[in-house]
Amino acid sequence: MAPTMRRGTIEDEDWLFELFRSTMQNFIDTAWGWDELLQREGFVTTLPAKQFQILEHEGSAIASYHLSDKGDHFILDMILVVPEVQRRGHGTRMLEQIKAISRNENKPVQLSVLKTNPAVAFHEQAGFRQIQTDEHSIRMQWSPE
């Protein structure tokens, strides 16, 4: 059975935050320190569950992404894969969907990734290029052909 995508719901909020914590806490803690209350409030407020796309396989949510339309470009705010199923093509599957949206709208996709996050290499392999850096993060962009 192939994985399927669905839109997030308010019932996914806790799962999404737990996925964010399990995949990002170490990187955020290294860069700025992890404040649980601040992270939870910021996550829930700026990234509503209903705006996530969730990848499910055999009835279980295994990955998700949040894409914001900024008018002349998209921001990939978050792409998360359950640690136990990472490196099995799920991130690539979601990124291909994001690229298809980008092509259909003829708008580039930008993202920001912490320098210490191995996802930097994942995004570079997917064709994203660095457009800006600061002390902790790299801003990257992918443009449709």
N, C-alpha and C. Protein backbone atom coordinates (compact mmCIF):
# COMPACT_ATOMS: atom_id res chain seq x y z
N MET A 1 0.85 -1.19 0.00
CA MET A 1 0.00 0.00 0.00
C MET A 1 0.89 1.25 0.00
N ALA A 2 0.66 2.13 -0.96
CA ALA A 2 1.47 3.34 -1.09
C ALA A 2 1.05 4.39 -0.06
N PRO A 3 2.00 5.18 0.42
CA PRO A 3 1.66 6.27 1.33
C PRO A 3 0.72 7.27 0.66
N THR A 4 -0.12 7.92 1.45
CA THR A 4 -1.06 8.91 0.95
C THR A 4 -0.92 10.21 1.74
N MET A 5 -1.30 11.32 1.11
CA MET A 5 -1.25 12.63 1.75
C MET A 5 -2.65 13.05 2.17
N ARG A 6 -2.71 13.76 3.28
CA ARG A 6 -3.96 14.37 3.71
C ARG A 6 -3.64 15.69 4.40
N ARG A 7 -4.63 16.54 4.49
CA ARG A 7 -4.48 17.82 5.18
C ARG A 7 -4.55 17.57 6.68
N GLY A 8 -3.75 18.30 7.44
CA GLY A 8 -3.77 18.18 8.88
C GLY A 8 -5.06 18.71 9.48
N THR A 9 -5.34 18.28 10.70
CA THR A 9 -6.50 18.74 11.45
C THR A 9 -6.04 19.15 12.84
N ILE A 10 -6.91 19.79 13.59
CA ILE A 10 -6.57 20.19 14.95
C ILE A 10 -6.19 18.98 15.79
N GLU A 11 -6.74 17.82 15.48
CA GLU A 11 -6.40 16.59 16.22
C GLU A 11 -4.95 16.18 16.00
N ASP A 12 -4.31 16.70 14.97
CA ASP A 12 -2.91 16.37 14.69
C ASP A 12 -1.93 17.26 15.44
N GLU A 13 -2.42 18.29 16.11
CA GLU A 13 -1.55 19.30 16.71
C GLU A 13 -0.50 18.70 17.65
N ASP A 14 -0.90 17.85 18.57
CA ASP A 14 0.06 17.26 19.51
C ASP A 14 1.07 16.37 18.79
N TRP A 15 0.58 15.56 17.85
CA TRP A 15 1.49 14.69 17.10
C TRP A 15 2.52 15.52 16.32
N LEU A 16 2.06 16.58 15.68
CA LEU A 16 2.97 17.43 14.92
C LEU A 16 4.03 18.06 15.82
N PHE A 17 3.63 18.57 16.98
CA PHE A 17 4.62 19.17 17.87
C PHE A 17 5.59 18.11 18.38
N GLU A 18 5.11 16.93 18.71
CA GLU A 18 6.00 15.86 19.18
C GLU A 18 6.99 15.46 18.08
N LEU A 19 6.52 15.44 16.84
CA LEU A 19 7.41 15.14 15.71
C LEU A 19 8.45 16.24 15.57
N PHE A 20 8.02 17.48 15.67
CA PHE A 20 8.95 18.62 15.62
C PHE A 20 9.99 18.48 16.74
N ARG A 21 9.54 18.20 17.95
CA ARG A 21 10.47 18.06 19.07
C ARG A 21 11.46 16.91 18.83
N SER A 22 10.95 15.77 18.41
CA SER A 22 11.83 14.61 18.25
C SER A 22 12.85 14.78 17.14
N THR A 23 12.53 15.59 16.15
CA THR A 23 13.47 15.77 15.03
C THR A 23 14.32 17.04 15.14
N MET A 24 13.83 18.04 15.85
CA MET A 24 14.52 19.34 15.83
C MET A 24 15.09 19.80 17.17
N GLN A 25 14.68 19.23 18.28
CA GLN A 25 15.08 19.75 19.59
C GLN A 25 16.60 19.85 19.74
N ASN A 26 17.33 18.83 19.37
CA ASN A 26 18.79 18.86 19.54
C ASN A 26 19.43 19.99 18.75
N PHE A 27 18.96 20.21 17.53
CA PHE A 27 19.54 21.27 16.69
C PHE A 27 19.21 22.66 17.25
N ILE A 28 17.97 22.84 17.67
CA ILE A 28 17.55 24.13 18.23
C ILE A 28 18.24 24.39 19.56
N ASP A 29 18.36 23.35 20.37
CA ASP A 29 19.02 23.49 21.67
C ASP A 29 20.47 23.91 21.49
N THR A 30 21.15 23.34 20.51
CA THR A 30 22.54 23.69 20.25
C THR A 30 22.67 25.14 19.78
N ALA A 31 21.74 25.59 18.96
CA ALA A 31 21.83 26.94 18.40
C ALA A 31 21.41 28.02 19.40
N TRP A 32 20.28 27.84 20.06
CA TRP A 32 19.72 28.91 20.88
C TRP A 32 19.28 28.46 22.28
N GLY A 33 19.21 27.16 22.48
CA GLY A 33 18.63 26.64 23.71
C GLY A 33 17.16 26.30 23.45
N TRP A 34 16.68 25.26 24.10
CA TRP A 34 15.31 24.80 23.92
C TRP A 34 14.47 25.23 25.11
N ASP A 35 13.48 26.04 24.87
CA ASP A 35 12.51 26.44 25.89
C ASP A 35 11.19 25.80 25.47
N GLU A 36 10.78 24.77 26.20
CA GLU A 36 9.60 23.97 25.81
C GLU A 36 8.36 24.83 25.59
N LEU A 37 8.05 25.69 26.54
CA LEU A 37 6.85 26.51 26.43
C LEU A 37 6.92 27.45 25.23
N LEU A 38 8.05 28.10 25.06
CA LEU A 38 8.24 29.01 23.93
C LEU A 38 8.14 28.26 22.60
N GLN A 39 8.78 27.10 22.52
CA GLN A 39 8.74 26.33 21.27
C GLN A 39 7.33 25.87 20.95
N ARG A 40 6.63 25.36 21.95
CA ARG A 40 5.25 24.87 21.73
C ARG A 40 4.34 26.01 21.28
N GLU A 41 4.40 27.13 22.00
CA GLU A 41 3.55 28.28 21.67
C GLU A 41 3.86 28.79 20.26
N GLY A 42 5.14 28.93 19.94
CA GLY A 42 5.53 29.41 18.62
C GLY A 42 5.10 28.46 17.52
N PHE A 43 5.27 27.18 17.76
CA PHE A 43 4.92 26.17 16.76
C PHE A 43 3.42 26.20 16.47
N VAL A 44 2.62 26.12 17.51
CA VAL A 44 1.16 26.06 17.36
C VAL A 44 0.60 27.36 16.77
N THR A 45 1.19 28.49 17.15
CA THR A 45 0.70 29.79 16.68
C THR A 45 1.07 30.06 15.23
N THR A 46 2.32 29.79 14.87
CA THR A 46 2.77 30.15 13.52
C THR A 46 2.59 29.05 12.49
N LEU A 47 2.42 27.81 12.94
CA LEU A 47 2.27 26.69 12.02
C LEU A 47 1.02 25.88 12.37
N PRO A 48 -0.16 26.40 12.06
CA PRO A 48 -1.40 25.70 12.43
C PRO A 48 -1.46 24.30 11.81
N ALA A 49 -1.92 23.35 12.60
CA ALA A 49 -2.01 21.95 12.16
C ALA A 49 -2.80 21.81 10.87
N LYS A 50 -3.85 22.60 10.71
CA LYS A 50 -4.70 22.47 9.52
C LYS A 50 -4.01 22.93 8.24
N GLN A 51 -2.85 23.55 8.37
CA GLN A 51 -2.11 23.97 7.18
C GLN A 51 -0.96 23.02 6.84
N PHE A 52 -0.82 21.95 7.59
CA PHE A 52 0.17 20.92 7.29
C PHE A 52 -0.41 19.91 6.30
N GLN A 53 0.46 19.32 5.54
CA GLN A 53 0.14 18.13 4.75
C GLN A 53 0.79 16.97 5.50
N ILE A 54 0.05 15.90 5.68
CA ILE A 54 0.55 14.77 6.46
C ILE A 54 0.59 13.53 5.58
N LEU A 55 1.73 12.88 5.60
CA LEU A 55 1.94 11.65 4.85
C LEU A 55 1.62 10.48 5.77
N GLU A 56 0.72 9.61 5.31
CA GLU A 56 0.33 8.43 6.09
C GLU A 56 0.70 7.18 5.32
N HIS A 57 1.06 6.14 6.08
CA HIS A 57 1.36 4.84 5.49
C HIS A 57 0.75 3.78 6.40
N GLU A 58 -0.08 2.95 5.82
CA GLU A 58 -0.75 1.87 6.55
C GLU A 58 -1.45 2.38 7.80
N GLY A 59 -2.13 3.52 7.65
CA GLY A 59 -2.94 4.07 8.72
C GLY A 59 -2.20 4.89 9.76
N SER A 60 -0.90 5.05 9.61
CA SER A 60 -0.12 5.83 10.57
C SER A 60 0.51 7.05 9.90
N ALA A 61 0.47 8.17 10.61
CA ALA A 61 1.15 9.38 10.14
C ALA A 61 2.65 9.18 10.30
N ILE A 62 3.41 9.44 9.23
CA ILE A 62 4.86 9.21 9.28
C ILE A 62 5.68 10.44 8.93
N ALA A 63 5.05 11.46 8.35
CA ALA A 63 5.80 12.64 7.93
C ALA A 63 4.83 13.77 7.64
N SER A 64 5.38 14.99 7.55
CA SER A 64 4.52 16.14 7.25
C SER A 64 5.36 17.30 6.73
N TYR A 65 4.65 18.24 6.12
CA TYR A 65 5.29 19.49 5.73
C TYR A 65 4.30 20.64 5.84
N HIS A 66 4.87 21.84 5.96
CA HIS A 66 4.08 23.07 6.05
C HIS A 66 4.67 24.03 5.02
N LEU A 67 3.85 24.44 4.06
CA LEU A 67 4.27 25.32 2.98
C LEU A 67 3.43 26.59 3.02
N SER A 68 4.08 27.75 3.07
CA SER A 68 3.38 29.03 3.10
C SER A 68 3.55 29.76 1.78
N ASP A 69 2.46 30.30 1.27
CA ASP A 69 2.47 31.09 0.04
C ASP A 69 2.71 32.55 0.41
N LYS A 70 3.81 33.11 -0.06
CA LYS A 70 4.16 34.49 0.25
C LYS A 70 3.93 35.43 -0.93
N GLY A 71 3.13 35.00 -1.88
CA GLY A 71 2.83 35.86 -3.03
C GLY A 71 3.74 35.57 -4.20
N ASP A 72 5.01 35.99 -4.10
CA ASP A 72 5.94 35.77 -5.20
C ASP A 72 6.84 34.56 -4.98
N HIS A 73 6.70 33.89 -3.84
CA HIS A 73 7.47 32.67 -3.56
C HIS A 73 6.77 31.88 -2.46
N PHE A 74 7.21 30.64 -2.28
CA PHE A 74 6.73 29.81 -1.19
C PHE A 74 7.83 29.71 -0.14
N ILE A 75 7.43 29.51 1.10
CA ILE A 75 8.37 29.19 2.18
C ILE A 75 8.04 27.78 2.66
N LEU A 76 9.00 26.91 2.60
CA LEU A 76 8.87 25.58 3.20
C LEU A 76 9.24 25.76 4.67
N ASP A 77 8.22 25.97 5.49
CA ASP A 77 8.43 26.26 6.91
C ASP A 77 8.96 25.05 7.65
N MET A 78 8.51 23.89 7.24
CA MET A 78 8.82 22.69 8.00
C MET A 78 8.65 21.48 7.10
N ILE A 79 9.59 20.56 7.18
CA ILE A 79 9.43 19.23 6.57
C ILE A 79 9.98 18.27 7.61
N LEU A 80 9.14 17.36 8.07
CA LEU A 80 9.47 16.49 9.20
C LEU A 80 9.14 15.04 8.86
N VAL A 81 10.04 14.14 9.22
CA VAL A 81 9.83 12.70 9.02
C VAL A 81 10.10 12.00 10.34
N VAL A 82 9.21 11.10 10.72
CA VAL A 82 9.39 10.32 11.94
C VAL A 82 10.78 9.67 11.89
N PRO A 83 11.59 9.84 12.94
CA PRO A 83 12.97 9.32 12.92
C PRO A 83 13.09 7.85 12.51
N GLU A 84 12.18 7.02 12.93
CA GLU A 84 12.27 5.58 12.62
C GLU A 84 12.08 5.26 11.15
N VAL A 85 11.53 6.19 10.38
CA VAL A 85 11.33 5.92 8.94
C VAL A 85 12.08 6.90 8.05
N GLN A 86 13.05 7.61 8.63
CA GLN A 86 13.86 8.51 7.82
C GLN A 86 14.75 7.70 6.87
N ARG A 87 15.16 8.34 5.80
CA ARG A 87 16.04 7.77 4.78
C ARG A 87 15.38 6.62 4.01
N ARG A 88 14.05 6.72 3.86
CA ARG A 88 13.31 5.72 3.09
C ARG A 88 12.54 6.37 1.94
N GLY A 89 12.86 7.61 1.62
CA GLY A 89 12.24 8.28 0.49
C GLY A 89 11.01 9.13 0.80
N HIS A 90 10.59 9.15 2.06
CA HIS A 90 9.39 9.91 2.40
C HIS A 90 9.61 11.42 2.28
N GLY A 91 10.75 11.91 2.72
CA GLY A 91 11.07 13.33 2.57
C GLY A 91 11.15 13.71 1.10
N THR A 92 11.78 12.85 0.30
CA THR A 92 11.88 13.10 -1.13
C THR A 92 10.50 13.13 -1.78
N ARG A 93 9.62 12.21 -1.38
CA ARG A 93 8.26 12.17 -1.92
C ARG A 93 7.55 13.50 -1.63
N MET A 94 7.66 13.99 -0.41
CA MET A 94 7.01 15.26 -0.07
C MET A 94 7.65 16.41 -0.82
N LEU A 95 8.97 16.40 -0.94
CA LEU A 95 9.66 17.48 -1.64
C LEU A 95 9.28 17.51 -3.12
N GLU A 96 9.05 16.36 -3.71
CA GLU A 96 8.60 16.32 -5.11
C GLU A 96 7.21 16.94 -5.25
N GLN A 97 6.34 16.70 -4.27
CA GLN A 97 5.02 17.33 -4.29
C GLN A 97 5.15 18.85 -4.16
N ILE A 98 6.03 19.30 -3.28
CA ILE A 98 6.26 20.73 -3.10
C ILE A 98 6.81 21.35 -4.39
N LYS A 99 7.72 20.67 -5.04
CA LYS A 99 8.27 21.17 -6.31
C LYS A 99 7.19 21.24 -7.39
N ALA A 100 6.28 20.28 -7.40
CA ALA A 100 5.18 20.31 -8.38
C ALA A 100 4.29 21.54 -8.14
N ILE A 101 4.01 21.85 -6.89
CA ILE A 101 3.24 23.05 -6.57
C ILE A 101 4.00 24.29 -7.05
N SER A 102 5.30 24.31 -6.81
CA SER A 102 6.14 25.42 -7.23
C SER A 102 6.11 25.59 -8.76
N ARG A 103 6.24 24.48 -9.47
CA ARG A 103 6.20 24.55 -10.94
C ARG A 103 4.85 25.05 -11.43
N ASN A 104 3.76 24.51 -10.85
CA ASN A 104 2.41 24.92 -11.28
C ASN A 104 2.17 26.41 -11.06
N GLU A 105 2.72 26.96 -10.00
CA GLU A 105 2.54 28.38 -9.68
C GLU A 105 3.67 29.25 -10.23
N ASN A 106 4.71 28.61 -10.75
CA ASN A 106 5.91 29.30 -11.26
C ASN A 106 6.49 30.25 -10.21
N LYS A 107 6.66 29.71 -8.99
CA LYS A 107 7.23 30.48 -7.88
C LYS A 107 8.32 29.64 -7.24
N PRO A 108 9.43 30.26 -6.84
CA PRO A 108 10.48 29.52 -6.14
C PRO A 108 10.04 29.12 -4.73
N VAL A 109 10.74 28.14 -4.20
CA VAL A 109 10.54 27.68 -2.82
C VAL A 109 11.78 28.04 -2.03
N GLN A 110 11.59 28.71 -0.90
CA GLN A 110 12.70 29.04 -0.01
C GLN A 110 12.52 28.31 1.30
N LEU A 111 13.62 28.09 1.99
CA LEU A 111 13.59 27.46 3.30
C LEU A 111 14.80 27.92 4.08
N SER A 112 14.74 27.71 5.37
CA SER A 112 15.86 28.00 6.26
C SER A 112 16.15 26.73 7.04
N VAL A 113 17.41 26.35 7.11
CA VAL A 113 17.80 25.13 7.81
C VAL A 113 19.01 25.44 8.69
N LEU A 114 19.00 24.88 9.89
CA LEU A 114 20.13 25.08 10.79
C LEU A 114 21.38 24.42 10.22
N LYS A 115 22.50 25.09 10.33
CA LYS A 115 23.75 24.59 9.77
C LYS A 115 24.13 23.22 10.31
N THR A 116 23.74 22.92 11.54
CA THR A 116 24.08 21.64 12.17
C THR A 116 23.12 20.51 11.79
N ASN A 117 22.08 20.82 11.04
CA ASN A 117 21.08 19.83 10.66
C ASN A 117 21.54 19.08 9.41
N PRO A 118 21.59 17.74 9.45
CA PRO A 118 21.98 16.99 8.25
C PRO A 118 21.06 17.21 7.07
N ALA A 119 19.91 17.82 7.29
CA ALA A 119 18.99 18.11 6.18
C ALA A 119 19.59 19.09 5.18
N VAL A 120 20.65 19.79 5.55
CA VAL A 120 21.32 20.68 4.59
C VAL A 120 21.70 19.88 3.35
N ALA A 121 22.33 18.72 3.55
CA ALA A 121 22.74 17.88 2.42
C ALA A 121 21.54 17.36 1.64
N PHE A 122 20.47 17.00 2.34
CA PHE A 122 19.24 16.53 1.69
C PHE A 122 18.71 17.60 0.73
N HIS A 123 18.64 18.83 1.20
CA HIS A 123 18.11 19.91 0.37
C HIS A 123 19.06 20.24 -0.80
N GLU A 124 20.36 20.18 -0.55
CA GLU A 124 21.31 20.42 -1.64
C GLU A 124 21.17 19.34 -2.72
N GLN A 125 21.03 18.09 -2.30
CA GLN A 125 20.86 17.00 -3.27
C GLN A 125 19.56 17.16 -4.06
N ALA A 126 18.58 17.80 -3.45
CA ALA A 126 17.28 18.02 -4.12
C ALA A 126 17.31 19.25 -5.03
N GLY A 127 18.45 19.92 -5.11
CA GLY A 127 18.57 21.05 -6.03
C GLY A 127 18.42 22.43 -5.41
N PHE A 128 18.26 22.50 -4.09
CA PHE A 128 18.22 23.80 -3.43
C PHE A 128 19.62 24.39 -3.39
N ARG A 129 19.70 25.70 -3.55
CA ARG A 129 21.01 26.36 -3.48
C ARG A 129 21.00 27.38 -2.35
N GLN A 130 22.15 27.59 -1.77
CA GLN A 130 22.27 28.55 -0.68
C GLN A 130 22.15 29.97 -1.23
N ILE A 131 21.34 30.79 -0.56
CA ILE A 131 21.21 32.18 -0.99
C ILE A 131 21.61 33.16 0.12
N GLN A 132 21.72 32.67 1.35
CA GLN A 132 22.09 33.54 2.47
C GLN A 132 22.45 32.67 3.67
N THR A 133 23.35 33.18 4.50
CA THR A 133 23.68 32.47 5.74
C THR A 133 23.78 33.47 6.88
N ASP A 134 23.61 32.96 8.09
CA ASP A 134 23.89 33.74 9.28
C ASP A 134 24.63 32.83 10.26
N GLU A 135 24.73 33.22 11.48
CA GLU A 135 25.51 32.47 12.46
C GLU A 135 25.03 31.02 12.61
N HIS A 136 23.72 30.80 12.56
CA HIS A 136 23.17 29.48 12.85
C HIS A 136 22.51 28.78 11.67
N SER A 137 22.06 29.53 10.66
CA SER A 137 21.24 28.90 9.63
C SER A 137 21.66 29.28 8.21
N ILE A 138 21.12 28.50 7.30
CA ILE A 138 21.34 28.70 5.87
C ILE A 138 19.98 28.88 5.21
N ARG A 139 19.83 29.92 4.43
CA ARG A 139 18.62 30.13 3.65
C ARG A 139 18.89 29.56 2.26
N MET A 140 17.95 28.75 1.79
CA MET A 140 18.13 28.06 0.50
C MET A 140 16.93 28.32 -0.38
N GLN A 141 17.12 28.11 -1.67
CA GLN A 141 16.02 28.31 -2.63
C GLN A 141 16.10 27.28 -3.75
N TRP A 142 14.93 26.85 -4.17
CA TRP A 142 14.78 26.02 -5.37
C TRP A 142 13.84 26.76 -6.29
N SER A 143 14.20 26.86 -7.57
CA SER A 143 13.36 27.55 -8.55
C SER A 143 12.94 26.58 -9.63
N PRO A 144 11.67 26.68 -10.07
CA PRO A 144 11.24 25.82 -11.17
C PRO A 144 12.00 26.18 -12.44
N GLU A 145 12.17 25.18 -13.30
CA GLU A 145 12.91 25.40 -14.55
C GLU A 145 12.21 26.42 -15.41
